[in-house]
N, C-alpha and C. Protein backbone atom coordinates (compact mmCIF):
# COMPACT_ATOMS: atom_id res chain seq x y z
N MET A 1 -47.38 -64.43 -21.42
CA MET A 1 -47.75 -63.72 -22.92
C MET A 1 -47.17 -62.26 -23.07
N LYS A 2 -46.59 -61.77 -24.00
CA LYS A 2 -46.19 -60.72 -24.54
C LYS A 2 -46.79 -60.16 -25.45
N PRO A 3 -48.19 -59.47 -25.34
CA PRO A 3 -48.84 -59.21 -26.68
C PRO A 3 -47.71 -58.16 -27.47
N ASP A 4 -47.81 -58.34 -28.50
CA ASP A 4 -47.53 -57.21 -29.36
C ASP A 4 -48.19 -55.98 -30.36
N ILE A 5 -48.10 -54.94 -29.79
CA ILE A 5 -49.20 -53.69 -30.15
C ILE A 5 -49.56 -53.70 -31.49
N GLN A 6 -48.15 -53.84 -32.53
CA GLN A 6 -48.36 -53.54 -33.79
C GLN A 6 -48.96 -54.96 -34.71
N ALA A 7 -48.85 -55.75 -33.87
CA ALA A 7 -49.89 -56.98 -34.54
C ALA A 7 -51.24 -57.14 -34.15
N VAL A 8 -51.35 -56.71 -32.69
CA VAL A 8 -52.89 -56.49 -32.10
C VAL A 8 -53.73 -55.43 -33.34
N LEU A 9 -52.74 -54.23 -33.14
CA LEU A 9 -53.50 -53.15 -34.31
C LEU A 9 -53.90 -53.86 -35.51
N ALA A 10 -52.87 -54.22 -36.15
CA ALA A 10 -52.59 -54.86 -37.59
C ALA A 10 -53.66 -55.92 -37.74
N GLN A 11 -54.03 -56.36 -36.66
CA GLN A 11 -55.44 -57.70 -36.87
C GLN A 11 -56.50 -56.70 -36.94
N THR A 12 -56.81 -56.14 -35.56
CA THR A 12 -57.58 -54.93 -35.55
C THR A 12 -58.46 -54.08 -36.94
N VAL A 13 -57.30 -53.74 -37.63
CA VAL A 13 -57.25 -52.97 -38.66
C VAL A 13 -57.81 -54.05 -39.76
N GLN A 14 -57.33 -55.54 -40.13
CA GLN A 14 -57.56 -56.28 -40.97
C GLN A 14 -59.20 -56.71 -40.51
N VAL A 15 -59.70 -57.01 -39.19
CA VAL A 15 -61.00 -57.36 -38.99
C VAL A 15 -62.57 -56.11 -39.57
N MET A 16 -61.54 -54.89 -38.97
CA MET A 16 -62.22 -54.22 -39.20
C MET A 16 -62.89 -53.70 -40.76
N LEU A 17 -61.60 -53.95 -41.73
CA LEU A 17 -62.03 -53.99 -43.38
C LEU A 17 -62.47 -55.28 -43.57
N GLN A 18 -62.23 -56.71 -43.15
CA GLN A 18 -62.72 -57.69 -44.19
C GLN A 18 -64.10 -58.29 -43.26
N ASP A 19 -64.70 -57.90 -41.82
CA ASP A 19 -65.40 -58.52 -41.58
C ASP A 19 -66.15 -57.24 -41.26
N PHE A 20 -65.82 -56.16 -40.34
CA PHE A 20 -67.01 -54.85 -40.56
C PHE A 20 -67.54 -54.18 -41.26
N ALA A 21 -66.84 -53.60 -42.06
CA ALA A 21 -66.92 -52.72 -43.32
C ALA A 21 -68.17 -53.25 -44.07
N PRO A 22 -68.07 -54.63 -44.74
CA PRO A 22 -68.60 -55.27 -45.83
C PRO A 22 -70.03 -55.36 -45.06
N GLY A 23 -69.83 -55.66 -43.86
CA GLY A 23 -71.71 -55.91 -42.76
C GLY A 23 -72.02 -54.65 -42.67
N ALA A 24 -71.21 -53.28 -42.87
CA ALA A 24 -72.09 -52.52 -42.02
C ALA A 24 -73.55 -52.03 -42.69
N ALA A 25 -74.34 -51.54 -42.12
CA ALA A 25 -75.44 -51.12 -42.51
C ALA A 25 -75.84 -49.98 -43.31
N THR A 26 -74.90 -49.28 -43.20
CA THR A 26 -74.91 -48.08 -44.07
C THR A 26 -73.56 -47.42 -44.94
N PRO A 27 -73.70 -46.62 -46.02
CA PRO A 27 -72.58 -46.43 -46.13
C PRO A 27 -71.76 -45.68 -45.33
N TYR A 28 -72.21 -44.85 -44.88
CA TYR A 28 -71.62 -44.09 -43.78
C TYR A 28 -70.73 -44.66 -42.59
N LEU A 29 -71.87 -45.57 -42.05
CA LEU A 29 -70.70 -46.52 -41.40
C LEU A 29 -69.57 -47.19 -41.93
N ALA A 30 -70.14 -47.81 -42.80
CA ALA A 30 -68.81 -48.70 -43.58
C ALA A 30 -67.28 -47.47 -43.94
N SER A 31 -67.79 -45.93 -44.36
CA SER A 31 -66.92 -45.54 -44.56
C SER A 31 -66.35 -44.98 -42.83
N GLN A 32 -67.10 -44.62 -41.88
CA GLN A 32 -66.41 -44.68 -40.68
C GLN A 32 -65.40 -45.76 -40.11
N ILE A 33 -66.12 -46.81 -40.47
CA ILE A 33 -64.71 -48.44 -40.13
C ILE A 33 -63.83 -48.24 -40.98
N GLY A 34 -63.83 -47.53 -42.37
CA GLY A 34 -62.43 -47.44 -43.28
C GLY A 34 -61.37 -46.09 -43.04
N MET A 35 -61.91 -45.43 -42.42
CA MET A 35 -61.76 -44.16 -42.02
C MET A 35 -60.64 -44.70 -40.61
N THR A 36 -61.87 -45.24 -39.64
CA THR A 36 -60.92 -45.76 -38.04
C THR A 36 -59.78 -46.79 -39.08
N ALA A 37 -60.02 -47.78 -39.64
CA ALA A 37 -59.14 -48.83 -40.08
C ALA A 37 -57.92 -47.86 -40.73
N PHE A 38 -57.91 -47.10 -41.32
CA PHE A 38 -56.55 -46.05 -41.71
C PHE A 38 -55.92 -45.35 -40.88
N VAL A 39 -56.54 -44.76 -40.03
CA VAL A 39 -56.08 -44.26 -38.56
C VAL A 39 -55.14 -45.13 -37.80
N LEU A 40 -55.75 -46.44 -37.74
CA LEU A 40 -55.24 -47.27 -36.61
C LEU A 40 -54.01 -47.98 -37.58
N SER A 41 -54.08 -47.85 -38.57
CA SER A 41 -52.90 -48.45 -39.73
C SER A 41 -51.95 -47.81 -39.43
N MET A 42 -52.09 -46.36 -39.74
CA MET A 42 -50.93 -45.15 -39.32
C MET A 42 -50.36 -45.01 -38.01
N ALA A 43 -51.46 -45.54 -37.16
CA ALA A 43 -50.87 -45.82 -35.47
C ALA A 43 -49.63 -46.99 -35.60
N VAL A 44 -50.12 -48.15 -36.28
CA VAL A 44 -49.28 -49.30 -36.44
C VAL A 44 -47.64 -48.41 -36.90
N GLU A 45 -47.94 -48.04 -37.89
CA GLU A 45 -46.33 -47.15 -38.54
C GLU A 45 -45.83 -46.38 -37.45
N ASP A 46 -46.49 -45.58 -36.77
CA ASP A 46 -45.98 -44.82 -36.31
C ASP A 46 -45.43 -45.38 -34.89
N PHE A 47 -46.17 -46.39 -34.43
CA PHE A 47 -45.58 -47.10 -32.99
C PHE A 47 -44.06 -47.28 -33.29
N ASP A 48 -43.82 -48.14 -34.21
CA ASP A 48 -42.46 -48.53 -34.64
C ASP A 48 -41.61 -47.78 -34.64
N ARG A 49 -41.91 -45.99 -35.13
CA ARG A 49 -41.02 -45.32 -35.12
C ARG A 49 -40.59 -44.31 -33.95
N ALA A 50 -41.83 -44.39 -33.14
CA ALA A 50 -41.82 -43.29 -32.26
C ALA A 50 -40.75 -42.80 -31.41
N ALA A 51 -40.22 -43.96 -30.84
CA ALA A 51 -39.14 -43.29 -30.05
C ALA A 51 -38.16 -42.56 -30.73
N SER A 52 -37.52 -43.79 -31.90
CA SER A 52 -36.25 -42.82 -32.49
C SER A 52 -36.71 -41.78 -33.43
N ARG A 53 -38.04 -41.24 -33.70
CA ARG A 53 -38.31 -40.48 -34.65
C ARG A 53 -37.87 -39.04 -33.38
N ARG A 54 -38.46 -39.20 -32.36
CA ARG A 54 -38.29 -38.44 -31.53
C ARG A 54 -36.57 -38.10 -30.74
N VAL A 55 -36.45 -39.04 -30.49
CA VAL A 55 -34.51 -38.93 -30.22
C VAL A 55 -34.02 -38.31 -31.35
N GLU A 56 -33.84 -38.80 -32.48
CA GLU A 56 -33.32 -38.05 -33.65
C GLU A 56 -33.51 -36.38 -33.80
N GLU A 57 -34.96 -36.33 -33.74
CA GLU A 57 -35.27 -34.86 -33.38
C GLU A 57 -35.20 -34.03 -32.54
N ASN A 58 -35.05 -34.60 -31.29
CA ASN A 58 -34.67 -33.91 -29.94
C ASN A 58 -32.99 -33.45 -30.43
N ARG A 59 -31.97 -34.72 -30.74
CA ARG A 59 -30.39 -34.46 -31.13
C ARG A 59 -30.58 -33.67 -31.78
N SER A 60 -31.08 -33.29 -33.21
CA SER A 60 -30.93 -32.34 -33.95
C SER A 60 -31.33 -30.96 -33.49
N ILE A 61 -32.23 -30.91 -32.65
CA ILE A 61 -32.66 -29.24 -32.37
C ILE A 61 -31.14 -29.30 -31.49
N ARG A 62 -31.37 -30.13 -30.18
CA ARG A 62 -30.01 -30.10 -29.52
C ARG A 62 -28.64 -29.40 -30.00
N ALA A 63 -28.12 -29.61 -31.19
CA ALA A 63 -27.23 -29.45 -31.75
C ALA A 63 -27.49 -28.30 -32.48
N LEU A 64 -28.68 -27.96 -33.18
CA LEU A 64 -28.89 -26.28 -33.23
C LEU A 64 -28.36 -25.26 -31.71
N LEU A 65 -29.05 -25.72 -30.99
CA LEU A 65 -29.07 -24.93 -29.83
C LEU A 65 -27.38 -24.43 -29.59
N THR A 66 -26.74 -25.90 -29.66
CA THR A 66 -25.20 -25.82 -29.31
C THR A 66 -24.75 -24.73 -30.37
N ARG A 67 -24.88 -24.86 -31.14
CA ARG A 67 -24.51 -23.85 -32.38
C ARG A 67 -24.55 -22.32 -32.37
N SER A 68 -25.86 -21.77 -31.16
CA SER A 68 -25.74 -20.83 -30.85
C SER A 68 -25.02 -20.15 -30.01
N ALA A 69 -24.05 -21.05 -29.55
CA ALA A 69 -23.21 -20.77 -28.41
C ALA A 69 -22.40 -19.43 -28.74
N ASP A 70 -22.19 -19.33 -29.67
CA ASP A 70 -20.73 -18.51 -30.65
C ASP A 70 -21.34 -17.07 -30.76
N LEU A 71 -22.50 -16.86 -30.79
CA LEU A 71 -23.58 -15.71 -31.27
C LEU A 71 -23.55 -14.40 -30.50
N GLY A 72 -23.40 -14.86 -29.33
CA GLY A 72 -23.38 -13.41 -28.64
C GLY A 72 -24.87 -13.54 -28.54
N LEU A 73 -25.56 -13.87 -27.76
CA LEU A 73 -27.18 -13.84 -27.43
C LEU A 73 -27.43 -13.47 -26.21
N GLU A 74 -28.13 -12.94 -26.04
CA GLU A 74 -28.77 -12.35 -24.82
C GLU A 74 -28.66 -13.01 -23.57
N PRO A 75 -27.71 -12.98 -22.54
CA PRO A 75 -27.70 -13.63 -21.79
C PRO A 75 -28.89 -15.08 -20.67
N GLY A 76 -29.51 -14.67 -20.79
CA GLY A 76 -30.74 -15.13 -20.69
C GLY A 76 -30.62 -16.45 -21.41
N LEU A 77 -31.10 -15.78 -22.75
CA LEU A 77 -31.47 -16.62 -23.65
C LEU A 77 -30.57 -17.84 -24.04
N ALA A 78 -29.03 -17.27 -23.94
CA ALA A 78 -27.84 -18.17 -24.29
C ALA A 78 -28.23 -19.26 -23.18
N ALA A 79 -28.36 -19.04 -21.79
CA ALA A 79 -28.41 -19.84 -20.88
C ALA A 79 -28.85 -21.15 -21.19
N ARG A 80 -30.33 -20.19 -21.37
CA ARG A 80 -31.50 -21.48 -21.71
C ARG A 80 -30.98 -22.50 -22.61
N LEU A 81 -30.64 -22.19 -23.48
CA LEU A 81 -30.20 -22.82 -24.68
C LEU A 81 -29.49 -23.53 -24.51
N ALA A 82 -28.21 -23.00 -23.63
CA ALA A 82 -27.00 -24.11 -23.53
C ALA A 82 -27.51 -25.03 -22.60
N ALA A 83 -28.44 -24.96 -21.53
CA ALA A 83 -28.81 -26.02 -20.60
C ALA A 83 -29.99 -26.90 -21.41
N LEU A 84 -30.37 -26.49 -22.44
CA LEU A 84 -31.19 -27.55 -23.06
C LEU A 84 -30.45 -28.26 -24.35
N ALA A 85 -29.38 -27.49 -24.52
CA ALA A 85 -28.72 -28.33 -25.40
C ALA A 85 -28.13 -29.16 -25.01
N ALA A 86 -27.63 -29.05 -23.58
CA ALA A 86 -26.94 -30.22 -22.87
C ALA A 86 -27.60 -31.42 -22.67
N GLY A 87 -28.82 -31.20 -22.51
CA GLY A 87 -29.97 -32.34 -22.12
C GLY A 87 -29.70 -33.79 -22.77
N GLN A 88 -30.38 -34.96 -22.35
CA GLN A 88 -30.03 -36.03 -23.07
C GLN A 88 -31.67 -36.55 -23.00
N ASP A 89 -32.04 -37.71 -23.61
CA ASP A 89 -33.24 -38.74 -23.74
C ASP A 89 -32.89 -39.68 -23.06
N ASP A 90 -32.71 -39.67 -21.38
CA ASP A 90 -32.33 -40.63 -21.22
C ASP A 90 -33.71 -41.88 -20.67
N ASP A 91 -34.97 -41.18 -20.71
CA ASP A 91 -35.94 -41.61 -20.69
C ASP A 91 -36.75 -41.68 -21.81
N LEU A 92 -36.89 -42.80 -22.41
CA LEU A 92 -37.59 -43.06 -23.76
C LEU A 92 -38.90 -43.39 -23.86
N GLN A 93 -39.87 -43.01 -22.57
CA GLN A 93 -41.06 -43.02 -22.54
C GLN A 93 -41.48 -42.08 -23.70
N ILE A 94 -42.73 -42.27 -24.36
CA ILE A 94 -43.07 -41.27 -25.31
C ILE A 94 -43.43 -39.88 -24.62
N SER A 95 -44.24 -40.38 -23.50
CA SER A 95 -44.16 -38.71 -22.72
C SER A 95 -43.44 -37.90 -22.71
N SER A 96 -42.73 -38.38 -22.28
CA SER A 96 -41.24 -38.17 -21.98
C SER A 96 -40.18 -37.22 -22.98
N LEU A 97 -40.40 -38.01 -24.25
CA LEU A 97 -39.33 -37.63 -25.34
C LEU A 97 -40.14 -36.47 -25.86
N ASP A 98 -41.51 -36.47 -25.73
CA ASP A 98 -42.36 -35.12 -26.23
C ASP A 98 -42.41 -34.41 -25.37
N ALA A 99 -42.01 -34.10 -24.27
CA ALA A 99 -42.00 -33.11 -23.16
C ALA A 99 -40.43 -32.48 -23.25
N ALA A 100 -39.82 -33.15 -23.79
CA ALA A 100 -38.36 -32.83 -24.21
C ALA A 100 -38.42 -31.93 -25.60
N ASN A 101 -38.86 -32.65 -26.26
CA ASN A 101 -39.30 -32.13 -27.74
C ASN A 101 -40.34 -30.45 -27.42
N ALA A 102 -41.07 -30.46 -26.72
CA ALA A 102 -41.88 -29.21 -27.13
C ALA A 102 -41.12 -28.15 -26.39
N ALA A 103 -40.17 -28.65 -24.93
CA ALA A 103 -39.06 -27.43 -24.56
C ALA A 103 -38.11 -27.41 -25.55
N LEU A 104 -37.47 -28.38 -26.17
CA LEU A 104 -36.50 -27.96 -27.29
C LEU A 104 -37.00 -27.28 -28.55
N ARG A 105 -38.19 -27.34 -28.55
CA ARG A 105 -38.85 -26.54 -30.19
C ARG A 105 -39.56 -25.05 -29.73
N ALA A 106 -39.75 -24.81 -28.24
CA ALA A 106 -40.14 -23.65 -28.14
C ALA A 106 -38.73 -22.86 -28.36
N ALA A 107 -37.60 -23.34 -27.57
CA ALA A 107 -36.19 -22.65 -27.58
C ALA A 107 -35.90 -22.43 -29.07
N LEU A 108 -36.22 -23.61 -29.83
CA LEU A 108 -35.71 -23.07 -31.40
C LEU A 108 -36.66 -22.06 -32.14
N ILE A 109 -37.65 -22.22 -31.43
CA ILE A 109 -38.68 -20.86 -32.11
C ILE A 109 -38.10 -19.39 -31.75
N ASP A 110 -37.50 -19.68 -30.57
CA ASP A 110 -36.71 -18.24 -29.40
C ASP A 110 -35.93 -18.21 -30.32
N LEU A 111 -34.92 -19.03 -30.93
CA LEU A 111 -34.00 -19.14 -31.30
C LEU A 111 -33.70 -18.43 -32.81
N GLN A 112 -34.48 -19.15 -33.13
CA GLN A 112 -34.87 -18.62 -34.96
C GLN A 112 -35.22 -16.94 -34.77
N SER A 113 -36.28 -16.65 -34.16
CA SER A 113 -36.67 -15.50 -34.32
C SER A 113 -35.76 -14.59 -34.08
N THR A 114 -34.40 -14.75 -33.17
CA THR A 114 -33.60 -14.02 -32.85
C THR A 114 -32.48 -13.92 -34.16
N VAL A 115 -32.01 -14.93 -34.48
CA VAL A 115 -31.30 -14.97 -35.66
C VAL A 115 -31.54 -14.52 -37.02
N GLU A 116 -33.02 -14.82 -37.58
CA GLU A 116 -33.29 -14.53 -38.40
C GLU A 116 -33.42 -12.27 -38.44
N ALA A 117 -33.30 -11.81 -37.29
CA ALA A 117 -33.19 -10.73 -37.59
C ALA A 117 -31.82 -10.30 -37.61
N ARG A 118 -31.05 -11.05 -37.42
CA ARG A 118 -29.48 -10.75 -37.23
C ARG A 118 -28.89 -10.74 -38.78
N ALA A 119 -27.77 -9.62 -38.94
CA ALA A 119 -27.28 -9.68 -40.40
C ALA A 119 -26.18 -10.71 -40.58
N GLU A 120 -25.35 -11.09 -39.47
CA GLU A 120 -23.94 -11.52 -39.58
C GLU A 120 -23.81 -12.84 -40.46
N PRO A 121 -22.91 -13.29 -41.05
CA PRO A 121 -23.25 -14.60 -41.63
C PRO A 121 -23.37 -15.83 -41.02
N ALA A 122 -23.06 -16.03 -39.38
CA ALA A 122 -23.04 -17.00 -38.70
C ALA A 122 -24.29 -17.18 -38.30
N ALA A 123 -25.31 -16.22 -38.13
CA ALA A 123 -26.82 -16.10 -37.78
C ALA A 123 -27.44 -16.45 -38.97
N ALA A 124 -27.41 -16.11 -40.01
CA ALA A 124 -27.98 -16.32 -41.30
C ALA A 124 -27.65 -18.07 -41.72
N ALA A 125 -26.64 -18.74 -41.63
CA ALA A 125 -26.37 -20.16 -41.64
C ALA A 125 -27.19 -20.79 -40.76
N LEU A 126 -27.08 -20.44 -39.47
CA LEU A 126 -27.75 -20.99 -38.42
C LEU A 126 -29.31 -21.28 -38.63
N ASN A 127 -29.75 -19.62 -39.20
CA ASN A 127 -31.06 -19.85 -39.51
C ASN A 127 -31.55 -20.68 -40.56
N ASP A 128 -30.81 -20.72 -41.75
CA ASP A 128 -30.97 -21.75 -42.41
C ASP A 128 -30.50 -23.28 -42.06
N ALA A 129 -30.25 -23.67 -41.37
CA ALA A 129 -29.84 -24.83 -40.80
C ALA A 129 -31.05 -25.17 -39.70
N ILE A 130 -31.55 -24.05 -39.36
CA ILE A 130 -32.36 -24.23 -38.44
C ILE A 130 -34.06 -24.73 -39.38
N TRP A 131 -33.98 -23.99 -40.43
CA TRP A 131 -35.28 -24.45 -41.69
C TRP A 131 -35.14 -25.70 -42.17
N ALA A 132 -33.86 -25.90 -42.30
CA ALA A 132 -33.28 -27.46 -42.90
C ALA A 132 -33.99 -28.73 -41.53
N GLU A 133 -33.69 -28.25 -40.43
CA GLU A 133 -34.29 -29.01 -39.60
C GLU A 133 -36.09 -29.00 -39.76
N LEU A 134 -36.84 -27.87 -39.83
CA LEU A 134 -38.06 -27.93 -39.96
C LEU A 134 -38.51 -28.92 -40.81
N ALA A 135 -37.78 -28.84 -42.10
CA ALA A 135 -38.26 -29.88 -43.46
C ALA A 135 -38.09 -31.10 -43.10
N ASP A 136 -36.44 -31.46 -42.23
CA ASP A 136 -36.56 -32.66 -42.17
C ASP A 136 -37.41 -33.52 -40.92
N SER A 137 -37.34 -32.67 -40.36
CA SER A 137 -38.76 -33.26 -39.25
C SER A 137 -40.28 -33.00 -39.73
N THR A 138 -40.50 -32.70 -40.92
CA THR A 138 -41.98 -32.76 -41.59
C THR A 138 -41.48 -34.46 -42.36
N GLU A 139 -40.44 -34.47 -43.00
CA GLU A 139 -40.18 -35.56 -43.85
C GLU A 139 -40.34 -36.92 -42.86
N ARG A 140 -39.50 -36.82 -41.22
CA ARG A 140 -39.77 -37.98 -40.34
C ARG A 140 -41.02 -38.24 -39.72
N ARG A 141 -41.90 -37.46 -40.33
CA ARG A 141 -43.59 -37.49 -39.82
C ARG A 141 -44.11 -38.19 -40.75
N ARG A 142 -43.55 -37.73 -41.80
CA ARG A 142 -44.26 -38.59 -43.48
C ARG A 142 -44.62 -40.17 -43.20
N PHE A 143 -46.06 -40.66 -43.26
CA PHE A 143 -46.19 -42.09 -43.44
C PHE A 143 -45.85 -42.31 -44.74
N ALA A 144 -45.60 -43.99 -44.55
CA ALA A 144 -45.17 -44.53 -45.99
C ALA A 144 -46.23 -44.27 -47.38
N GLY A 145 -47.64 -44.23 -46.84
CA GLY A 145 -49.04 -44.50 -47.90
C GLY A 145 -49.30 -43.23 -47.77
N ALA A 146 -48.63 -42.02 -47.05
CA ALA A 146 -48.75 -40.79 -47.28
C ALA A 146 -48.87 -39.89 -48.94
N ASN A 147 -49.42 -39.32 -49.49
CA ASN A 147 -49.57 -38.94 -50.50
C ASN A 147 -50.02 -37.22 -50.41
N PHE A 148 -50.08 -36.74 -49.51
CA PHE A 148 -50.58 -35.50 -49.13
C PHE A 148 -49.39 -34.85 -48.08
């Protein structure tokens, strides 16, 4: 038997909402059950897109780091950015993708703080692209039912 984690979580949400919440001893307990079911339903949605979202984001950040190669950055920073830009997401475990993302985001912060202080058009264009990626990154994390 191969358990389908999404089906298991979806079934758990259904049981919590249909069986447990209506029979809860107090309104507080019912609301806690409902909130837990809501969080689990978000986990169901995120499970399906977890790897693809992280790979897409890592790829986008690497492309931004690559664009910095022609800016004449401080050699240590330039070497760090080049090394990270050359990386790949060969290990698709979420923990590995998250570790790569953390390193890439830290480098992106360093890159952005450098380019936003520079006046040349290439630096300004890269800064705009970084902001666009940050907005895209936020959208990638949006949940289907989220209105917040």
